[in-house]
C-alpha atoms as a PDB file:
ATOM      1  CA  MET A   1      19.890  -0.890  13.938  1.00  0.00           C
ATOM      2  CA  ALA A   2      17.647  -3.399  15.678  1.00  0.00           C
ATOM      3  CA  GLN A   3      19.029  -6.719  16.749  1.00  0.00           C
ATOM      4  CA  LYS A   4      17.548  -9.920  15.414  1.00  0.00           C
ATOM      5  CA  PRO A   5      14.846 -11.240  17.734  1.00  0.00           C
ATOM      6  CA  LYS A   6      16.094 -13.986  20.009  1.00  0.00           C
ATOM      7  CA  VAL A   7      14.212 -17.038  18.778  1.00  0.00           C
ATOM      8  CA  ASP A   8      14.768 -20.674  19.560  1.00  0.00           C
ATOM      9  CA  PRO A   9      15.772 -22.227  16.203  1.00  0.00           C
ATOM     10  CA  HIS A  10      13.325 -25.046  16.875  1.00  0.00           C
ATOM     11  CA  VAL A  11      10.204 -22.854  17.005  1.00  0.00           C
ATOM     12  CA  GLY A  12      10.135 -22.467  13.228  1.00  0.00           C
ATOM     13  CA  ARG A  13       8.690 -19.813  11.019  1.00  0.00           C
ATOM     14  CA  LEU A  14       5.587 -19.063  13.100  1.00  0.00           C
ATOM     15  CA  GLY A  15       7.725 -18.531  16.193  1.00  0.00           C
ATOM     16  CA  TYR A  16      10.074 -16.232  14.309  1.00  0.00           C
ATOM     17  CA  LEU A  17       7.186 -14.190  12.921  1.00  0.00           C
ATOM     18  CA  GLN A  18       5.626 -14.006  16.398  1.00  0.00           C
ATOM     19  CA  ALA A  19       8.938 -12.706  17.751  1.00  0.00           C
ATOM     20  CA  LEU A  20       8.963  -9.992  15.069  1.00  0.00           C
ATOM     21  CA  VAL A  21       5.393  -8.935  15.881  1.00  0.00           C
ATOM     22  CA  THR A  22       6.184  -8.866  19.608  1.00  0.00           C
ATOM     23  CA  GLU A  23       9.313  -6.792  19.007  1.00  0.00           C
ATOM     24  CA  PHE A  24       7.339  -4.329  16.880  1.00  0.00           C
ATOM     25  CA  GLN A  25       4.726  -3.944  19.605  1.00  0.00           C
ATOM     26  CA  GLU A  26       7.174  -3.621  22.486  1.00  0.00           C
ATOM     27  CA  THR A  27      10.050  -1.550  21.123  1.00  0.00           C
ATOM     28  CA  GLN A  28      10.188   2.209  21.592  1.00  0.00           C
ATOM     29  CA  SER A  29      12.874   2.614  18.915  1.00  0.00           C
ATOM     30  CA  GLN A  30      11.623   3.960  15.585  1.00  0.00           C
ATOM     31  CA  ASP A  31      14.616   2.374  13.822  1.00  0.00           C
ATOM     32  CA  ALA A  32      13.731  -1.026  15.267  1.00  0.00           C
ATOM     33  CA  LYS A  33      10.073  -0.603  14.291  1.00  0.00           C
ATOM     34  CA  GLU A  34      11.124   0.262  10.731  1.00  0.00           C
ATOM     35  CA  GLN A  35      13.427  -2.742  10.481  1.00  0.00           C
ATOM     36  CA  VAL A  36      10.825  -5.137  11.904  1.00  0.00           C
ATOM     37  CA  LEU A  37       8.072  -3.815   9.637  1.00  0.00           C
ATOM     38  CA  ALA A  38      10.413  -4.139   6.633  1.00  0.00           C
ATOM     39  CA  ASN A  39      11.091  -7.760   7.609  1.00  0.00           C
ATOM     40  CA  LEU A  40       7.370  -8.503   7.983  1.00  0.00           C
ATOM     41  CA  ALA A  41       6.692  -6.899   4.585  1.00  0.00           C
ATOM     42  CA  ASN A  42       9.359  -9.150   3.070  1.00  0.00           C
ATOM     43  CA  PHE A  43       7.820 -12.234   4.685  1.00  0.00           C
ATOM     44  CA  ALA A  44       4.472 -11.130   3.225  1.00  0.00           C
ATOM     45  CA  TYR A  45       5.918 -11.722  -0.250  1.00  0.00           C
ATOM     46  CA  ASP A  46       5.918 -15.512   0.278  1.00  0.00           C
ATOM     47  CA  PRO A  47       2.471 -17.177   0.022  1.00  0.00           C
ATOM     48  CA  SER A  48       3.623 -19.906   2.411  1.00  0.00           C
ATOM     49  CA  ASN A  49       3.574 -17.233   5.144  1.00  0.00           C
ATOM     50  CA  TYR A  50       0.049 -15.927   4.492  1.00  0.00           C
ATOM     51  CA  GLU A  51      -1.680 -18.162   7.036  1.00  0.00           C
ATOM     52  CA  TYR A  52       0.873 -17.339   9.744  1.00  0.00           C
ATOM     53  CA  LEU A  53       0.600 -13.618   9.042  1.00  0.00           C
ATOM     54  CA  ARG A  54      -3.203 -13.758   9.252  1.00  0.00           C
ATOM     55  CA  GLN A  55      -2.974 -15.757  12.487  1.00  0.00           C
ATOM     56  CA  LEU A  56      -0.641 -13.133  13.981  1.00  0.00           C
ATOM     57  CA  GLN A  57      -2.891 -10.284  12.751  1.00  0.00           C
ATOM     58  CA  VAL A  58      -0.084  -8.760  10.723  1.00  0.00           C
ATOM     59  CA  LEU A  59      -2.605  -7.437   8.171  1.00  0.00           C
ATOM     60  CA  ASP A  60      -4.125  -5.303  10.947  1.00  0.00           C
ATOM     61  CA  LEU A  61      -0.648  -4.230  12.048  1.00  0.00           C
ATOM     62  CA  PHE A  62       0.057  -3.078   8.471  1.00  0.00           C
ATOM     63  CA  LEU A  63      -3.320  -1.305   8.228  1.00  0.00           C
ATOM     64  CA  ASP A  64      -2.728   0.453  11.565  1.00  0.00           C
ATOM     65  CA  SER A  65       0.734   1.529  10.422  1.00  0.00           C
ATOM     66  CA  LEU A  66      -0.731   3.328   7.391  1.00  0.00           C
ATOM     67  CA  SER A  67      -1.841   6.085   9.779  1.00  0.00           C
ATOM     68  CA  GLU A  68       1.638   6.650  11.197  1.00  0.00           C
ATOM     69  CA  GLU A  69       3.406   9.967  10.680  1.00  0.00           C
ATOM     70  CA  ASN A  70       6.660   8.113  10.008  1.00  0.00           C
ATOM     71  CA  GLU A  71       6.775   7.834   6.199  1.00  0.00           C
ATOM     72  CA  THR A  72       9.136   4.859   6.344  1.00  0.00           C
ATOM     73  CA  LEU A  73       6.655   2.866   8.428  1.00  0.00           C
ATOM     74  CA  VAL A  74       3.894   3.778   5.969  1.00  0.00           C
ATOM     75  CA  GLU A  75       6.076   2.688   3.039  1.00  0.00           C
ATOM     76  CA  PHE A  76       6.788  -0.721   4.569  1.00  0.00           C
ATOM     77  CA  ALA A  77       3.184  -1.195   5.699  1.00  0.00           C
ATOM     78  CA  ILE A  78       1.695  -0.515   2.256  1.00  0.00           C
ATOM     79  CA  GLY A  79       4.435  -2.669   0.727  1.00  0.00           C
ATOM     80  CA  GLY A  80       3.415  -5.519   3.027  1.00  0.00           C
ATOM     81  CA  LEU A  81      -0.265  -5.104   2.144  1.00  0.00           C
ATOM     82  CA  CYS A  82       0.649  -5.011  -1.542  1.00  0.00           C
ATOM     83  CA  ASN A  83       2.485  -8.316  -1.119  1.00  0.00           C
ATOM     84  CA  LEU A  84      -0.434  -9.887   0.769  1.00  0.00           C
ATOM     85  CA  CYS A  85      -3.454  -8.743  -1.226  1.00  0.00           C
ATOM     86  CA  PRO A  86      -3.180 -11.091  -4.231  1.00  0.00           C
ATOM     87  CA  ASP A  87      -4.469 -13.787  -1.829  1.00  0.00           C
ATOM     88  CA  ARG A  88      -8.277 -13.921  -1.668  1.00  0.00           C
ATOM     89  CA  ALA A  89      -8.506 -14.290   2.133  1.00  0.00           C
ATOM     90  CA  ASN A  90      -6.095 -11.397   2.663  1.00  0.00           C
ATOM     91  CA  LYS A  91      -7.945  -9.254   0.134  1.00  0.00           C
ATOM     92  CA  GLU A  92     -11.269  -9.926   1.884  1.00  0.00           C
ATOM     93  CA  HIS A  93      -9.735  -9.063   5.245  1.00  0.00           C
ATOM     94  CA  ILE A  94      -8.376  -5.750   3.940  1.00  0.00           C
ATOM     95  CA  LEU A  95     -11.762  -4.854   2.444  1.00  0.00           C
ATOM     96  CA  GLN A  96     -13.740  -5.900   5.531  1.00  0.00           C
ATOM     97  CA  ALA A  97     -11.371  -4.080   7.872  1.00  0.00           C
ATOM     98  CA  GLY A  98     -12.013  -0.801   6.055  1.00  0.00           C
ATOM     99  CA  GLY A  99      -8.546  -0.655   4.546  1.00  0.00           C
ATOM    100  CA  VAL A 100      -9.504   1.003   1.261  1.00  0.00           C
ATOM    101  CA  PRO A 101      -9.636   4.607   2.575  1.00  0.00           C
ATOM    102  CA  LEU A 102      -6.296   4.105   4.335  1.00  0.00           C
ATOM    103  CA  ILE A 103      -4.752   2.818   1.099  1.00  0.00           C
ATOM    104  CA  ILE A 104      -6.255   5.679  -0.913  1.00  0.00           C
ATOM    105  CA  ASN A 105      -4.709   8.131   1.579  1.00  0.00           C
ATOM    106  CA  CYS A 106      -1.304   6.694   0.638  1.00  0.00           C
ATOM    107  CA  LEU A 107      -1.753   8.157  -2.842  1.00  0.00           C
ATOM    108  CA  SER A 108      -0.908  11.565  -1.375  1.00  0.00           C
ATOM    109  CA  SER A 109       2.387  10.393   0.110  1.00  0.00           C
ATOM    110  CA  PRO A 110       5.532  12.305  -0.867  1.00  0.00           C
ATOM    111  CA  ASN A 111       7.299   8.915  -1.161  1.00  0.00           C
ATOM    112  CA  GLU A 112       7.138   7.433  -4.679  1.00  0.00           C
ATOM    113  CA  GLU A 113       7.494   3.835  -3.443  1.00  0.00           C
ATOM    114  CA  THR A 114       4.517   4.309  -1.124  1.00  0.00           C
ATOM    115  CA  VAL A 115       2.411   5.675  -3.991  1.00  0.00           C
ATOM    116  CA  LEU A 116       3.412   2.850  -6.343  1.00  0.00           C
ATOM    117  CA  SER A 117       2.555   0.220  -3.732  1.00  0.00           C
ATOM    118  CA  ALA A 118      -0.767   1.944  -3.013  1.00  0.00           C
ATOM    119  CA  ILE A 119      -1.751   1.931  -6.694  1.00  0.00           C
ATOM    120  CA  THR A 120      -0.718  -1.707  -7.068  1.00  0.00           C
ATOM    121  CA  THR A 121      -2.650  -2.639  -3.922  1.00  0.00           C
ATOM    122  CA  LEU A 122      -5.779  -0.922  -5.261  1.00  0.00           C
ATOM    123  CA  MET A 123      -5.350  -2.864  -8.501  1.00  0.00           C
ATOM    124  CA  HIS A 124      -5.084  -6.151  -6.594  1.00  0.00           C
ATOM    125  CA  LEU A 125      -8.209  -5.264  -4.614  1.00  0.00           C
ATOM    126  CA  SER A 126     -10.193  -4.572  -7.776  1.00  0.00           C
ATOM    127  CA  PRO A 127      -9.509  -7.174 -10.465  1.00  0.00           C
ATOM    128  CA  PRO A 128     -10.783  -6.067 -13.904  1.00  0.00           C
ATOM    129  CA  GLY A 129     -14.188  -7.432 -14.818  1.00  0.00           C
ATOM    130  CA  HIS A 130     -15.197  -8.164 -11.207  1.00  0.00           C
ATOM    131  CA  SER A 131     -17.310  -6.188  -8.797  1.00  0.00           C
ATOM    132  CA  PHE A 132     -15.368  -4.177  -6.257  1.00  0.00           C
ATOM    133  CA  PRO A 133     -16.010  -1.400  -3.754  1.00  0.00           C
ATOM    134  CA  PRO A 134     -16.977   1.798  -5.605  1.00  0.00           C
ATOM    135  CA  GLU A 135     -14.525   3.931  -3.626  1.00  0.00           C
ATOM    136  CA  LEU A 136     -11.658   2.223  -5.499  1.00  0.00           C
ATOM    137  CA  THR A 137     -12.590   4.166  -8.618  1.00  0.00           C
ATOM    138  CA  ALA A 138     -14.271   7.185  -7.035  1.00  0.00           C
ATOM    139  CA  ALA A 139     -13.739  10.509  -8.791  1.00  0.00           C
ATOM    140  CA  PRO A 140     -10.872  11.678  -6.510  1.00  0.00           C
ATOM    141  CA  VAL A 141      -8.971   8.428  -7.149  1.00  0.00           C
ATOM    142  CA  VAL A 142      -9.481   8.685 -10.917  1.00  0.00           C
ATOM    143  CA  GLN A 143      -8.401  12.350 -10.828  1.00  0.00           C
ATOM    144  CA  CYS A 144      -5.303  11.329  -8.916  1.00  0.00           C
ATOM    145  CA  MET A 145      -4.483   8.658 -11.495  1.00  0.00           C
ATOM    146  CA  LEU A 146      -4.917  11.207 -14.294  1.00  0.00           C
ATOM    147  CA  ARG A 147      -2.429  13.443 -12.538  1.00  0.00           C
ATOM    148  CA  PHE A 148       0.000  10.571 -12.022  1.00  0.00           C
ATOM    149  CA  SER A 149      -0.361   9.593 -15.692  1.00  0.00           C
ATOM    150  CA  LEU A 150       1.417  12.881 -16.504  1.00  0.00           C
ATOM    151  CA  SER A 151       4.302  12.239 -14.127  1.00  0.00           C
ATOM    152  CA  ALA A 152       7.933  12.452 -15.203  1.00  0.00           C
ATOM    153  CA  SER A 153       8.446   9.088 -13.484  1.00  0.00           C
ATOM    154  CA  ALA A 154       7.888   6.317 -16.038  1.00  0.00           C
ATOM    155  CA  ARG A 155       6.972   3.815 -13.307  1.00  0.00           C
ATOM    156  CA  LEU A 156       4.312   6.074 -11.834  1.00  0.00           C
ATOM    157  CA  ARG A 157       3.048   7.241 -15.230  1.00  0.00           C
ATOM    158  CA  ASN A 158       2.731   3.700 -16.600  1.00  0.00           C
ATOM    159  CA  LEU A 159       1.069   2.256 -13.505  1.00  0.00           C
ATOM    160  CA  ALA A 160      -1.462   5.106 -13.417  1.00  0.00           C
ATOM    161  CA  GLN A 161      -2.208   4.594 -17.114  1.00  0.00           C
ATOM    162  CA  ILE A 162      -2.820   0.869 -16.552  1.00  0.00           C
ATOM    163  CA  PHE A 163      -5.164   1.702 -13.673  1.00  0.00           C
ATOM    164  CA  LEU A 164      -7.107   4.151 -15.839  1.00  0.00           C
ATOM    165  CA  GLU A 165      -7.374   1.747 -18.780  1.00  0.00           C
ATOM    166  CA  ASP A 166      -8.091  -1.485 -16.906  1.00  0.00           C
ATOM    167  CA  PHE A 167     -10.041  -0.397 -13.820  1.00  0.00           C
ATOM    168  CA  CYS A 168     -11.949   2.723 -14.841  1.00  0.00           C
ATOM    169  CA  SER A 169     -14.694   3.156 -17.382  1.00  0.00           C
ATOM    170  CA  PRO A 170     -14.227   5.727 -20.171  1.00  0.00           C
ATOM    171  CA  ARG A 171     -17.080   7.684 -18.576  1.00  0.00           C
ATOM    172  CA  GLN A 172     -15.291   7.806 -15.195  1.00  0.00           C
ATOM    173  CA  VAL A 173     -12.119   9.062 -16.858  1.00  0.00           C
ATOM    174  CA  ALA A 174     -14.021  11.701 -18.877  1.00  0.00           C
ATOM    175  CA  GLU A 175     -15.861  12.927 -15.759  1.00  0.00           C
ATOM    176  CA  ALA A 176     -12.619  13.112 -13.798  1.00  0.00           C
ATOM    177  CA  ARG A 177     -10.947  15.072 -16.617  1.00  0.00           C
ATOM    178  CA  SER A 178     -13.872  17.466 -16.673  1.00  0.00           C
ATOM    179  CA  ARG A 179     -13.677  18.016 -12.918  1.00  0.00           C
ATOM    180  CA  GLN A 180      -9.925  18.530 -13.051  1.00  0.00           C
ATOM    181  CA  ALA A 181     -10.335  21.196 -15.727  1.00  0.00           C
ATOM    182  CA  HIS A 182     -12.481  23.188 -13.291  1.00  0.00           C
ATOM    183  CA  SER A 183     -10.333  22.733 -10.206  1.00  0.00           C
ATOM    184  CA  ALA A 184      -6.925  23.933  -9.102  1.00  0.00           C
ATOM    185  CA  LEU A 185      -6.846  21.284  -6.384  1.00  0.00           C
ATOM    186  CA  GLY A 186      -5.020  18.012  -6.744  1.00  0.00           C
ATOM    187  CA  ILE A 187      -2.943  15.518  -4.904  1.00  0.00           C
ATOM    188  CA  PRO A 188       0.680  16.647  -5.176  1.00  0.00           C
ATOM    189  CA  LEU A 189       3.142  14.391  -6.920  1.00  0.00           C
ATOM    190  CA  PRO A 190       5.604  12.558  -4.690  1.00  0.00           C
ATOM    191  CA  ARG A 191       8.735  14.556  -3.884  1.00  0.00           C
ATOM    192  CA  SER A 192      10.958  12.275  -5.918  1.00  0.00           C
ATOM    193  CA  MET A 193       8.970  13.300  -9.006  1.00  0.00           C
ATOM    194  CA  ALA A 194       9.727  17.011  -8.784  1.00  0.00           C
ATOM    195  CA  PRO A 195      11.146  18.241 -12.134  1.00  0.00           C
ATOM    196  CA  TRP A 196      14.192  19.820 -10.497  1.00  0.00           C
ATOM    197  CA  GLN A 197      15.146  16.428  -9.058  1.00  0.00           C
ATOM    198  CA  ARG A 198      15.224  14.662 -12.435  1.00  0.00           C
END
């Protein structure tokens, strides 16, 4: 377990967050990286931290971590982005930094929490009734949501259904259903959704 960063109590929140970012960048320990990223994701929940997190480029740190092989790092990174993206400036940064494909890739994670955070992040990036990048509701994403809407997990099933109803047109859903009927391919459900585990 990683130790708390050594921070002068007088440096305040920005100094503490800087110490976390520095520790993440310098440590070789995967456990320490996981703990630090979890802490940063928790700080991302508080809007009073948004400006500090942008200043310290934590959004880019989260986006970079989405490509990690370590599923725990991916889970905390997408959780942090999910916490940050209700803010307009953070949302714009994620979109401009090319974060959408990285977030969509999280839909194929075997970790249910990662998938739930990815869906929620996509929803935050595409408010109903507003224009948004077309890849957010591209056919593979809609097909994935259709698959998730059949999940044994109520959380996953309900979130996917909300996405389909509020963010996709009836035509997009019908086209995705048609394509799924002609394809054996699909994004597998997260491991925690397997019927034998319920």
